[in-house]
Amino acid sequence: MERRLISSGSSFEQRFGYSRAVVVGDRIFVAGTAPIMADDADPPADPYGQMRRCLEIVQNALREAGAGLEHVVRTHVYLTDAAHATEAMRAHGEAFESTRPACTALVCSLLDPRWLVELEVEAVRA
């Protein structure tokens, strides 16, 4: 089965051996997506704003793969504090109001102390 790699252009992808997304058949796997800003600027300070930024990055990767948020079937939400869940999931709910993918949320540490949330998705193109 053909495998297509989608890059965000980050130097980390080549250096650490990963892709923003991988397309295999009708499935799209989008890597954990942090609220990374252009020129390494500080991300939004709040969980809602950070999740919105993650969703923008994910949406761009899906678009390049020929899909959209409506094709998402599973999400994994990573939070640095359970107290961030309500606001982060509010942004998630706005994006996936009608799609309602399977979702798992976890509390964990993230690589950059500025990040409060990270988002990983799987999608299926029809």
Protein backbone atom coordinates (compact mmCIF):
# COMPACT_ATOMS: atom_id res chain seq x y z
CA MET A 1 0.00 0.00 0.00
CA GLU A 2 1.31 3.44 -0.89
CA ARG A 3 2.51 5.66 1.92
CA ARG A 4 2.67 9.46 1.61
CA LEU A 5 4.47 11.70 4.08
CA ILE A 6 3.25 15.21 4.82
CA SER A 7 5.73 17.67 6.29
CA SER A 8 5.10 20.87 8.19
CA GLY A 9 8.56 22.06 7.18
CA SER A 10 9.95 21.75 10.71
CA SER A 11 13.64 20.83 10.93
CA PHE A 12 12.71 18.50 13.79
CA GLU A 13 10.96 16.13 11.38
CA GLN A 14 14.13 15.19 9.50
CA ARG A 15 16.30 15.31 12.61
CA PHE A 16 14.04 13.15 14.75
CA GLY A 17 12.62 10.94 11.99
CA TYR A 18 8.91 11.76 11.91
CA SER A 19 6.31 13.45 9.72
CA ARG A 20 3.49 15.86 10.57
CA ALA A 21 1.15 13.32 8.96
CA VAL A 22 1.27 10.01 7.14
CA VAL A 23 -1.33 8.94 4.58
CA VAL A 24 -1.82 5.21 4.00
CA GLY A 25 -4.71 4.30 1.74
CA ASP A 26 -7.76 6.15 3.02
CA ARG A 27 -6.28 6.71 6.51
CA ILE A 28 -4.47 9.82 7.72
CA PHE A 29 -2.43 9.81 10.91
CA VAL A 30 -1.50 13.26 12.21
CA ALA A 31 1.33 13.32 14.75
CA GLY A 32 1.02 14.92 18.14
CA THR A 33 0.59 18.60 17.38
CA ALA A 34 1.66 21.25 19.86
CA PRO A 35 0.67 24.94 19.68
CA ILE A 36 3.84 25.91 17.81
CA MET A 37 3.90 29.44 16.49
CA ALA A 38 5.85 30.93 13.60
CA ASP A 39 9.43 31.88 14.49
CA ASP A 40 9.06 30.05 17.83
CA ALA A 41 6.95 32.89 19.22
CA ASP A 42 5.17 32.20 22.48
CA PRO A 43 1.91 30.28 22.02
CA PRO A 44 -1.36 31.62 23.41
CA ALA A 45 -1.22 31.60 27.20
CA ASP A 46 -4.53 29.78 27.70
CA PRO A 47 -5.59 26.17 26.99
CA TYR A 48 -8.45 27.28 24.71
CA GLY A 49 -6.15 29.40 22.52
CA GLN A 50 -3.52 26.68 22.43
CA MET A 51 -6.03 24.02 21.36
CA ARG A 52 -7.31 26.38 18.63
CA ARG A 53 -3.71 26.71 17.39
CA CYS A 54 -3.23 22.92 17.44
CA LEU A 55 -6.45 22.53 15.46
CA GLU A 56 -5.21 25.04 12.83
CA ILE A 57 -2.00 23.06 12.34
CA VAL A 58 -3.90 19.75 12.18
CA GLN A 59 -6.40 21.21 9.72
CA ASN A 60 -3.55 22.33 7.43
CA ALA A 61 -2.04 18.83 7.46
CA LEU A 62 -5.43 17.24 6.76
CA ARG A 63 -6.06 19.68 3.90
CA GLU A 64 -2.75 18.70 2.31
CA ALA A 65 -3.83 15.06 2.64
CA GLY A 66 -7.11 15.80 0.86
CA ALA A 67 -9.27 15.73 3.98
CA GLY A 68 -10.71 18.00 6.66
CA LEU A 69 -11.79 17.97 10.27
CA GLU A 70 -15.00 16.25 9.19
CA HIS A 71 -12.92 13.14 8.35
CA VAL A 72 -11.44 12.80 11.87
CA VAL A 73 -12.47 9.60 13.64
CA ARG A 74 -10.19 9.66 16.70
CA THR A 75 -8.41 12.29 18.77
CA HIS A 76 -5.92 12.10 21.61
CA VAL A 77 -5.70 15.23 23.75
CA TYR A 78 -2.66 15.66 25.99
CA LEU A 79 -2.96 18.15 28.86
CA THR A 80 -0.32 19.28 31.35
CA ASP A 81 -2.98 19.77 34.03
CA ALA A 82 -6.49 18.36 34.40
CA ALA A 83 -7.63 21.90 35.22
CA HIS A 84 -7.03 22.79 31.53
CA ALA A 85 -9.53 20.20 30.28
CA THR A 86 -12.66 22.35 30.26
CA GLU A 87 -11.18 25.12 28.12
CA ALA A 88 -9.13 22.87 25.83
CA MET A 89 -12.10 20.58 25.27
CA ARG A 90 -14.34 23.58 24.58
CA ALA A 91 -12.19 24.35 21.52
CA HIS A 92 -12.18 20.64 20.62
CA GLY A 93 -15.97 20.55 20.90
CA GLU A 94 -16.37 23.60 18.66
CA ALA A 95 -14.21 22.00 15.96
CA PHE A 96 -15.82 18.57 16.17
CA GLU A 97 -19.39 19.49 17.14
CA SER A 98 -20.98 17.45 14.35
CA THR A 99 -18.19 14.92 13.71
CA ARG A 100 -17.83 13.80 17.33
CA PRO A 101 -14.76 11.53 16.97
CA ALA A 102 -13.70 9.01 19.58
CA CYS A 103 -11.57 10.96 22.04
CA THR A 104 -9.10 10.19 24.80
CA ALA A 105 -7.64 12.88 27.06
CA LEU A 106 -4.52 12.33 29.15
CA VAL A 107 -2.61 14.41 31.69
CA CYS A 108 1.14 14.33 31.11
CA SER A 109 4.28 16.42 30.72
CA LEU A 110 4.96 18.01 27.34
CA LEU A 111 8.34 18.86 25.78
CA ASP A 112 8.09 22.65 26.01
CA PRO A 113 7.02 24.21 29.33
CA ARG A 114 4.98 26.82 27.40
CA TRP A 115 2.70 24.12 26.00
CA LEU A 116 -0.45 23.32 27.95
CA VAL A 117 -2.03 21.01 25.33
CA GLU A 118 -1.12 18.80 22.40
CA LEU A 119 -3.45 17.11 19.91
CA GLU A 120 -3.09 13.93 17.84
CA VAL A 121 -5.71 12.81 15.30
CA GLU A 122 -6.60 9.99 12.95
CA ALA A 123 -8.85 10.54 9.96
CA VAL A 124 -10.41 8.41 7.22
CA ARG A 125 -11.06 9.84 3.77
CA ALA A 126 -14.16 8.58 2.03
